[in-house]
Protein backbone atom coordinates (compact mmCIF):
# COMPACT_ATOMS: atom_id res chain seq x y z
CA MET A 1 -6.59 14.02 8.07
CA ASP A 2 -6.72 16.05 5.35
CA LYS A 3 -8.45 15.44 1.98
CA LYS A 4 -5.26 14.15 0.31
CA ALA A 5 -4.52 11.69 2.99
CA LYS A 6 -7.97 10.32 3.05
CA LYS A 7 -7.67 9.91 -0.84
CA LYS A 8 -4.26 8.16 -0.54
CA ILE A 9 -5.75 5.73 2.12
CA GLU A 10 -8.81 4.89 -0.19
CA VAL A 11 -6.43 4.29 -3.31
CA LEU A 12 -4.00 1.98 -1.07
CA ARG A 13 -7.08 -0.07 0.22
CA GLN A 14 -8.16 -0.61 -3.24
CA ARG A 15 -4.43 -1.84 -4.23
CA LEU A 16 -4.36 -3.83 -1.13
CA ALA A 17 -7.55 -5.75 -2.18
CA LYS A 18 -5.86 -6.38 -5.55
CA MET A 19 -2.82 -7.64 -4.01
CA ARG A 20 -4.69 -9.80 -1.62
CA GLN A 21 -6.48 -11.54 -4.62
CA GLN A 22 -3.24 -11.94 -6.50
CA LEU A 23 -1.32 -13.37 -3.44
CA SER A 24 -4.21 -16.06 -3.11
CA GLY A 25 -3.83 -17.06 -6.80
CA ALA A 26 0.04 -16.87 -6.33
CA LYS A 27 -0.18 -19.43 -3.49
CA GLN A 28 -2.67 -21.69 -5.54
CA GLN A 29 -0.34 -21.77 -8.54
CA ASN A 30 3.23 -21.02 -7.12
CA ASP A 31 4.72 -21.17 -10.53
CA GLU A 32 6.71 -18.03 -10.03
CA PRO A 33 9.47 -18.29 -7.47
CA GLY A 34 9.52 -15.27 -5.14
CA GLU A 35 6.27 -14.10 -6.07
CA VAL A 36 4.31 -14.93 -2.74
CA GLU A 37 7.13 -13.16 -0.88
CA ARG A 38 7.12 -10.09 -2.97
CA LEU A 39 3.30 -9.68 -2.88
CA GLU A 40 3.48 -10.24 1.10
CA ALA A 41 6.15 -7.60 1.50
CA ASP A 42 4.01 -5.20 -0.81
CA ILE A 43 1.06 -5.93 1.31
CA ALA A 44 2.90 -5.00 4.58
CA ALA A 45 4.29 -1.88 3.01
CA ALA A 46 0.92 -0.75 1.96
CA LEU A 47 -0.56 -1.39 5.40
CA SER A 48 2.18 0.47 7.20
CA ASP A 49 1.60 3.23 4.64
CA ILE A 50 -2.15 3.33 5.74
CA GLU A 51 -1.10 3.43 9.49
CA ARG A 52 1.39 6.11 8.79
CA LEU A 53 -1.20 8.28 7.05
CA LYS A 54 -4.00 7.67 9.79
CA LYS A 55 -1.44 8.94 12.36
CA SER A 56 -0.84 12.16 10.57
């Protein structure tokens, strides 16, 4: 992995932590329809991006 990929993975991990906190809050409140599904999809996308970058 080059320096750019490592930096991108680091940023994605930070976003992932933030999205997981938002997901936890969204599950508790559940006032916006579709928010939980959107956050779960965003988390899955971030995880796949991390895996893709690790393989390159």
